[in-house]
C-alpha cells in the first residue's frame, strides 16, 4: 500500500507534503471520513492555473509488411488535446464567539462546529465527481456521468447496461485511479487544492428580527476547494447504468444480476494493475449485491479484508466502496 501511495498520491499525501502546520491535512482527514471516494482518488497537480490540459492519443500508427525491394510509407500516431477545468467550491463557517469561548478550548470547539461544513464540501465534491456537467453548471467541473452517457459514443464499449427502463435507475462504477488512467486535478501551484483561512473575530448582523438587525461577535472560517477531474484513458472507467432497483431480487432470478455485470465490467479494463481499481455503488446496490451473493449456488464472489484496521469488501480482489452520492433516479442511458 505504501508503494501505491507514492506512485498515486491521494489528497492526504499532497496535503502532508505541502502543508507544514498540518491544518489542511486535518481537514482532508475529515473529508475522507465522510466520503470514501475522496480517500481513493489519486490527485495530480494540473499544468494550468485553472485546470489541466491532457494530450490523448487518438490513433495508433499501422505498420506495413514489407517485401523485398518494396518501400514502406512512414506513419505517425494522432493526438488530441483535452482541457479539464477546475471548479471553485467555497464555504464560510461562522460561530458565535461567546459560545466558542465557553469551554476554554476555542480552537477545538470551532473545528467541531466546522465539521458539518467540511462534510458538506465532501458531499458536493462526490456528487459533482459523478454528475457534474459544465454544460449546465459552468462553475463546476464535468464528472463521470456526462462522459459515459451514450451507447453510440466512442467509449460505449465501457458502458454495460443493466436492463432497466424508465428514469428510476442507478449505476455501478468501476474506476482505476492512476496518473495515466484517471485522476483528480488541483490547480497548478495550489496546496492540495484546499485552502483554509481563519478570518478571526468579525462583527455580524443578526437579521432575525427583520429591520431591527443587531450586532454580534463571531469567529469566521473560510474554506475553498479547487478541484477537477481528468480521464486520460476512457478504457479505465466502466459504467453499469440502467439498473432498476425496484426489479432487483436476492436470487437474481429477475432484474439485474449484479455479479454478472461486475464480471463483465472488470473484463473491459485493459489492466486492473495500472492503478487503484475500485467499484462504487449506492447503499441499496451494495445490499442487493450481498444478498445475491448469499444465494449463489457456488462460492461467493465477495471477500472481506482488513485494510488499515477497517473491513473492506472486495469483488475478486477489487474493493467495493459505498458512495451515497450515487442517485437512484438516473435518466436512461441509451
Protein backbone atom coordinates (compact mmCIF):
# COMPACT_ATOMS: atom_id res chain seq x y z
CA UNK A 1 0.00 0.00 0.00
CA UNK A 2 2.88 2.39 0.69
CA UNK A 3 4.16 1.99 -2.84
CA UNK A 4 0.74 2.79 -4.28
CA UNK A 5 0.56 5.89 -2.13
CA UNK A 6 3.87 7.17 -3.52
CA UNK A 7 3.06 6.38 -7.15
CA UNK A 8 -0.56 7.51 -6.94
CA UNK A 9 -0.79 10.30 -4.36
CA UNK A 10 -4.08 10.80 -2.56
CA UNK A 11 -5.33 14.18 -1.37
CA UNK A 12 -3.94 13.42 2.09
CA UNK A 13 -0.49 12.65 0.67
CA UNK A 14 -0.44 16.02 -1.12
CA UNK A 15 -1.68 17.86 1.96
CA UNK A 16 1.03 16.39 4.18
CA UNK A 17 3.70 17.25 1.62
CA UNK A 18 2.66 20.88 1.11
CA UNK A 19 1.14 21.89 4.45
CA UNK A 20 3.80 22.19 7.20
CA UNK A 21 1.49 23.06 10.10
CA UNK A 22 -0.92 20.18 9.43
CA UNK A 23 -4.14 22.20 9.32
CA UNK A 24 -5.08 21.21 5.77
CA UNK A 25 -4.17 17.56 6.49
CA UNK A 26 -6.64 17.54 9.40
CA UNK A 27 -9.40 18.88 7.15
CA UNK A 28 -8.59 16.30 4.45
CA UNK A 29 -8.85 13.51 7.03
CA UNK A 30 -12.35 14.73 7.89
CA UNK A 31 -13.23 14.85 4.19
CA UNK A 32 -12.06 11.24 3.81
CA UNK A 33 -14.04 10.11 6.84
CA UNK A 34 -17.29 11.34 5.32
CA UNK A 35 -16.85 10.07 1.76
CA UNK A 36 -14.77 7.06 0.77
CA UNK A 37 -14.38 8.02 -2.88
CA UNK A 38 -12.23 11.01 -1.86
CA UNK A 39 -9.98 8.65 0.07
CA UNK A 40 -9.40 6.51 -3.05
CA UNK A 41 -8.91 9.27 -5.61
CA UNK A 42 -5.47 9.93 -6.99
CA UNK A 43 -4.80 13.66 -7.22
CA UNK A 44 -2.30 15.37 -9.51
CA UNK A 45 -1.30 19.00 -9.85
CA UNK A 46 -2.59 20.42 -13.12
CA UNK A 47 -0.41 22.12 -15.70
CA UNK A 48 -2.71 25.14 -15.84
CA UNK A 49 -3.71 27.63 -13.10
CA UNK A 50 -7.36 26.75 -13.83
CA UNK A 51 -7.11 23.04 -14.60
CA UNK A 52 -5.23 20.53 -16.70
CA UNK A 53 -4.56 20.10 -20.42
CA UNK A 54 -4.02 16.49 -21.43
CA UNK A 55 -2.72 15.09 -24.69
CA UNK A 56 -4.61 11.91 -25.52
CA UNK A 57 -3.55 9.53 -28.28
CA UNK A 58 -6.47 9.19 -30.66
CA UNK A 59 -4.86 6.93 -33.26
CA UNK A 60 -2.08 4.33 -33.39
CA UNK A 61 0.16 4.06 -36.47
CA UNK A 62 -0.26 0.93 -38.57
CA UNK A 63 2.95 -0.87 -39.58
CA UNK A 64 3.46 -2.33 -43.04
CA UNK A 65 4.55 -5.80 -44.10
CA UNK A 66 7.45 -5.06 -46.47
CA UNK A 67 8.51 -7.22 -49.37
CA UNK A 68 11.97 -7.26 -50.87
CA UNK A 69 12.74 -4.06 -52.79
CA UNK A 70 9.40 -2.70 -51.63
CA UNK A 71 9.07 0.65 -49.89
CA UNK A 72 7.23 1.48 -46.68
CA UNK A 73 5.34 4.70 -46.14
CA UNK A 74 6.14 6.50 -42.86
CA UNK A 75 3.30 6.68 -40.38
CA UNK A 76 2.63 8.53 -37.14
CA UNK A 77 0.19 8.47 -34.26
CA UNK A 78 -2.54 11.09 -33.91
CA UNK A 79 -3.26 13.05 -30.75
CA UNK A 80 -5.92 15.39 -29.43
CA UNK A 81 -5.70 17.85 -26.58
CA UNK A 82 -8.39 17.91 -23.90
CA UNK A 83 -8.67 20.63 -21.27
CA UNK A 84 -10.36 19.78 -17.96
CA UNK A 85 -11.26 22.77 -15.81
CA UNK A 86 -11.28 23.01 -12.02
CA UNK A 87 -14.22 24.43 -10.13
CA UNK A 88 -14.03 26.60 -7.00
CA UNK A 89 -16.11 25.22 -4.14
CA UNK A 90 -16.31 27.56 -1.13
CA UNK A 91 -17.94 27.72 2.29
CA UNK A 92 -17.93 30.08 5.27
CA UNK A 93 -18.36 28.87 8.84
CA UNK A 94 -19.46 31.44 11.44
CA UNK A 95 -19.75 30.67 15.15
CA UNK A 96 -20.93 32.91 17.99
CA UNK A 97 -17.79 33.99 19.85
CA UNK A 98 -19.40 33.70 23.29
CA UNK A 99 -20.41 30.10 22.60
CA UNK A 100 -16.98 29.15 21.23
CA UNK A 101 -15.19 30.62 24.28
CA UNK A 102 -17.34 28.81 26.87
CA UNK A 103 -15.22 25.66 27.20
CA UNK A 104 -11.82 27.41 27.28
CA UNK A 105 -10.75 25.48 24.17
CA UNK A 106 -11.92 27.75 21.40
CA UNK A 107 -9.89 26.12 18.59
CA UNK A 108 -11.20 22.61 19.29
CA UNK A 109 -14.80 23.84 19.54
CA UNK A 110 -14.52 25.76 16.27
CA UNK A 111 -13.20 22.68 14.46
CA UNK A 112 -16.05 20.56 15.82
CA UNK A 113 -18.57 23.14 14.62
CA UNK A 114 -16.81 23.39 11.25
CA UNK A 115 -17.11 19.64 10.61
CA UNK A 116 -20.60 19.89 9.05
CA UNK A 117 -19.26 22.49 6.60
CA UNK A 118 -16.36 20.22 5.67
CA UNK A 119 -18.73 17.27 5.29
CA UNK A 120 -20.88 19.41 3.01
CA UNK A 121 -17.83 20.07 0.84
CA UNK A 122 -17.10 16.34 0.69
CA UNK A 123 -20.66 15.51 -0.35
CA UNK A 124 -20.72 18.20 -3.02
CA UNK A 125 -17.37 17.10 -4.47
CA UNK A 126 -18.55 13.47 -4.59
CA UNK A 127 -21.83 14.46 -6.25
CA UNK A 128 -20.01 16.59 -8.82
CA UNK A 129 -17.46 13.83 -9.41
CA UNK A 130 -20.23 11.65 -10.83
CA UNK A 131 -22.87 14.10 -12.09
CA UNK A 132 -21.13 17.47 -12.59
CA UNK A 133 -21.72 19.00 -16.01
CA UNK A 134 -20.06 22.21 -17.16
CA UNK A 135 -22.68 22.44 -19.90
CA UNK A 136 -25.44 23.11 -17.36
CA UNK A 137 -23.32 24.37 -14.44
CA UNK A 138 -20.26 26.17 -15.88
CA UNK A 139 -18.81 27.00 -12.45
CA UNK A 140 -18.44 23.29 -11.54
CA UNK A 141 -16.36 20.59 -13.25
CA UNK A 142 -17.50 17.75 -15.50
CA UNK A 143 -17.86 14.39 -13.78
CA UNK A 144 -18.11 10.81 -14.98
CA UNK A 145 -21.79 10.52 -15.99
CA UNK A 146 -21.76 13.16 -18.77
CA UNK A 147 -18.67 11.44 -20.22
CA UNK A 148 -20.30 7.97 -20.20
CA UNK A 149 -23.92 8.64 -21.18
CA UNK A 150 -24.37 7.41 -24.76
CA UNK A 151 -24.35 3.93 -26.26
CA UNK A 152 -23.30 5.41 -29.61
CA UNK A 153 -20.23 7.25 -28.28
CA UNK A 154 -16.65 6.13 -28.78
CA UNK A 155 -16.47 4.87 -25.18
CA UNK A 156 -19.74 2.92 -25.43
CA UNK A 157 -17.83 -0.34 -25.08
CA UNK A 158 -17.28 0.60 -21.43
CA UNK A 159 -20.99 1.10 -20.78
CA UNK A 160 -22.69 -2.16 -19.78
CA UNK A 161 -26.44 -1.64 -19.47
CA UNK A 162 -28.25 -3.25 -16.56
CA UNK A 163 -31.54 -3.87 -18.40
CA UNK A 164 -33.71 -1.30 -16.60
CA UNK A 165 -36.02 1.22 -18.23
CA UNK A 166 -37.63 4.49 -17.32
CA UNK A 167 -35.96 7.18 -15.21
CA UNK A 168 -35.56 5.49 -11.82
CA UNK A 169 -32.31 3.67 -12.46
CA UNK A 170 -28.93 3.59 -10.71
CA UNK A 171 -25.36 2.91 -11.79
CA UNK A 172 -22.35 0.96 -10.57
CA UNK A 173 -18.94 2.37 -11.48
CA UNK A 174 -15.55 0.72 -11.83
CA UNK A 175 -12.73 3.27 -11.74
CA UNK A 176 -8.99 2.65 -11.99
CA UNK A 177 -7.31 5.66 -10.40
CA UNK A 178 -3.83 6.47 -11.66
CA UNK A 179 -1.59 9.12 -13.20
CA UNK A 180 -2.06 7.76 -16.73
CA UNK A 181 -5.65 6.49 -16.37
CA UNK A 182 -7.99 8.75 -14.37
CA UNK A 183 -7.29 11.22 -11.57
CA UNK A 184 -8.44 14.30 -9.74
CA UNK A 185 -6.89 17.64 -10.64
CA UNK A 186 -5.84 20.54 -8.44
CA UNK A 187 -4.75 23.89 -9.93
CA UNK A 188 -1.10 24.48 -10.66
CA UNK A 189 0.75 25.85 -7.63
CA UNK A 190 -2.02 25.16 -5.10
CA UNK A 191 -1.74 23.34 -1.76
CA UNK A 192 -3.72 20.14 -2.30
CA UNK A 193 -6.41 22.29 -3.90
CA UNK A 194 -7.80 23.01 -0.45
CA UNK A 195 -7.50 26.37 1.27
CA UNK A 196 -8.34 27.17 4.87
CA UNK A 197 -8.34 30.71 6.23
CA UNK A 198 -9.06 31.66 9.81
CA UNK A 199 -10.70 35.07 9.40
CA UNK A 200 -10.59 35.59 13.16
CA UNK A 201 -13.14 37.63 15.07
CA UNK A 202 -15.69 39.55 13.00
CA UNK A 203 -18.86 41.54 13.67
CA UNK A 204 -22.03 40.04 12.20
CA UNK A 205 -25.51 41.42 11.73
CA UNK A 206 -28.34 39.44 13.26
CA UNK A 207 -31.23 39.90 10.85
CA UNK A 208 -33.59 37.55 12.69
CA UNK A 209 -35.72 40.50 13.83
CA UNK A 210 -36.22 41.83 10.34
CA UNK A 211 -35.40 45.51 10.06
CA UNK A 212 -34.23 45.66 13.69
CA UNK A 213 -30.93 43.93 12.97
CA UNK A 214 -28.46 43.78 15.81
CA UNK A 215 -24.76 43.06 16.03
CA UNK A 216 -22.82 40.13 17.43
CA UNK A 217 -19.20 39.00 17.60
CA UNK A 218 -18.34 35.75 15.85
CA UNK A 219 -15.46 33.67 14.58
CA UNK A 220 -15.35 33.17 10.81
CA UNK A 221 -13.53 30.44 8.83
CA UNK A 222 -13.28 30.32 5.06
CA UNK A 223 -12.89 27.05 3.16
CA UNK A 224 -12.15 26.72 -0.54
CA UNK A 225 -11.57 23.57 -2.55
CA UNK A 226 -10.42 23.90 -6.17
CA UNK A 227 -10.91 20.54 -7.84
CA UNK A 228 -11.40 18.93 -11.22
CA UNK A 229 -11.37 15.54 -12.95
CA UNK A 230 -9.30 14.19 -15.84
CA UNK A 231 -10.00 10.91 -17.65
CA UNK A 232 -6.78 10.33 -19.58
CA UNK A 233 -7.80 6.90 -20.88
CA UNK A 234 -11.53 6.18 -21.12
CA UNK A 235 -10.90 2.41 -21.07
CA UNK A 236 -10.12 2.57 -17.33
CA UNK A 237 -13.60 3.70 -16.28
CA UNK A 238 -16.62 1.42 -16.70
CA UNK A 239 -20.24 2.39 -16.07
CA UNK A 240 -23.04 -0.11 -15.42
CA UNK A 241 -26.18 2.06 -15.82
CA UNK A 242 -29.89 1.30 -16.15
CA UNK A 243 -30.07 -0.86 -13.00
CA UNK A 244 -33.68 -0.68 -11.87
CA UNK A 245 -33.65 -1.09 -8.09
CA UNK A 246 -37.34 -2.00 -7.97
CA UNK A 247 -36.74 -5.16 -10.04
CA UNK A 248 -33.75 -6.46 -8.07
CA UNK A 249 -34.30 -9.75 -6.23
CA UNK A 250 -31.99 -11.63 -3.90
CA UNK A 251 -31.61 -14.69 -6.14
CA UNK A 252 -31.11 -12.64 -9.37
CA UNK A 253 -33.93 -14.67 -10.98
CA UNK A 254 -35.24 -11.42 -12.45
CA UNK A 255 -33.90 -7.92 -12.79
CA UNK A 256 -30.17 -7.23 -12.91
CA UNK A 257 -27.64 -9.90 -11.99
CA UNK A 258 -25.10 -7.67 -10.25
CA UNK A 259 -22.38 -10.32 -10.06
CA UNK A 260 -22.54 -10.99 -13.79
CA UNK A 261 -22.50 -7.28 -14.65
CA UNK A 262 -19.48 -6.68 -12.42
CA UNK A 263 -17.66 -9.63 -14.01
CA UNK A 264 -18.21 -8.03 -17.41
CA UNK A 265 -17.06 -4.63 -16.17
CA UNK A 266 -13.80 -5.97 -14.76
CA UNK A 267 -13.02 -7.60 -18.12
CA UNK A 268 -13.48 -4.33 -20.04
CA UNK A 269 -10.47 -2.77 -18.28
CA UNK A 270 -7.19 -3.47 -20.13
CA UNK A 271 -5.11 -3.78 -16.96
CA UNK A 272 -6.54 -3.60 -13.45
CA UNK A 273 -2.99 -3.22 -12.10
CA UNK A 274 -2.47 0.07 -13.95
CA UNK A 275 -3.67 1.96 -10.86
CA UNK A 276 -6.01 1.67 -7.89
CA UNK A 277 -9.18 -0.11 -9.02
CA UNK A 278 -12.42 0.34 -7.06
CA UNK A 279 -16.12 -0.34 -7.55
CA UNK A 280 -18.55 2.36 -6.39
CA UNK A 281 -22.23 1.80 -5.71
CA UNK A 282 -25.06 3.08 -3.54
CA UNK A 283 -26.09 1.53 -0.23
CA UNK A 284 -29.07 -0.24 -1.82
CA UNK A 285 -26.95 -1.68 -4.64
CA UNK A 286 -24.37 -2.96 -2.18
CA UNK A 287 -27.11 -4.52 -0.07
CA UNK A 288 -28.55 -6.43 -3.04
CA UNK A 289 -25.08 -7.49 -4.16
CA UNK A 290 -24.50 -9.12 -0.79
CA UNK A 291 -27.96 -10.73 -0.82
CA UNK A 292 -27.43 -12.12 -4.32
CA UNK A 293 -24.05 -13.49 -3.24
CA UNK A 294 -25.63 -15.20 -0.26
CA UNK A 295 -27.93 -17.04 -2.70
CA UNK A 296 -25.24 -18.20 -5.11
CA UNK A 297 -25.13 -21.96 -5.61
CA UNK A 298 -21.36 -21.91 -5.99
CA UNK A 299 -18.81 -19.99 -3.93
CA UNK A 300 -19.19 -16.31 -3.13
CA UNK A 301 -17.54 -13.70 -5.36
CA UNK A 302 -17.01 -11.44 -2.35
CA UNK A 303 -14.21 -11.42 0.20
CA UNK A 304 -13.52 -9.33 3.29
CA UNK A 305 -10.07 -7.99 4.08
CA UNK A 306 -8.75 -5.79 6.84
CA UNK A 307 -7.04 -2.68 5.47
CA UNK A 308 -5.76 -0.05 7.87
CA UNK A 309 -7.79 -1.52 10.69
CA UNK A 310 -11.04 -1.47 8.69
CA UNK A 311 -13.02 -4.21 6.98
CA UNK A 312 -13.11 -3.77 3.21
CA UNK A 313 -15.42 -5.80 0.97
CA UNK A 314 -13.92 -6.84 -2.37
CA UNK A 315 -15.16 -8.39 -5.60
CA UNK A 316 -12.43 -10.76 -6.80
CA UNK A 317 -9.83 -8.54 -5.19
CA UNK A 318 -11.34 -5.21 -6.31
CA UNK A 319 -12.54 -3.10 -3.34
CA UNK A 320 -16.22 -2.17 -3.27
CA UNK A 321 -16.94 1.24 -1.78
CA UNK A 322 -20.29 2.70 -0.82
CA UNK A 323 -20.99 6.12 -2.33
CA UNK A 324 -24.17 7.85 -1.19
CA UNK A 325 -23.77 10.47 -3.93
CA UNK A 326 -24.89 7.88 -6.50
CA UNK A 327 -28.54 8.51 -7.28
CA UNK A 328 -31.41 6.05 -7.82
CA UNK A 329 -33.29 8.28 -10.27
CA UNK A 330 -30.86 8.50 -13.17
CA UNK A 331 -32.14 9.01 -16.70
CA UNK A 332 -32.00 6.03 -19.03
CA UNK A 333 -28.68 5.66 -20.86
CA UNK A 334 -29.34 4.78 -24.47
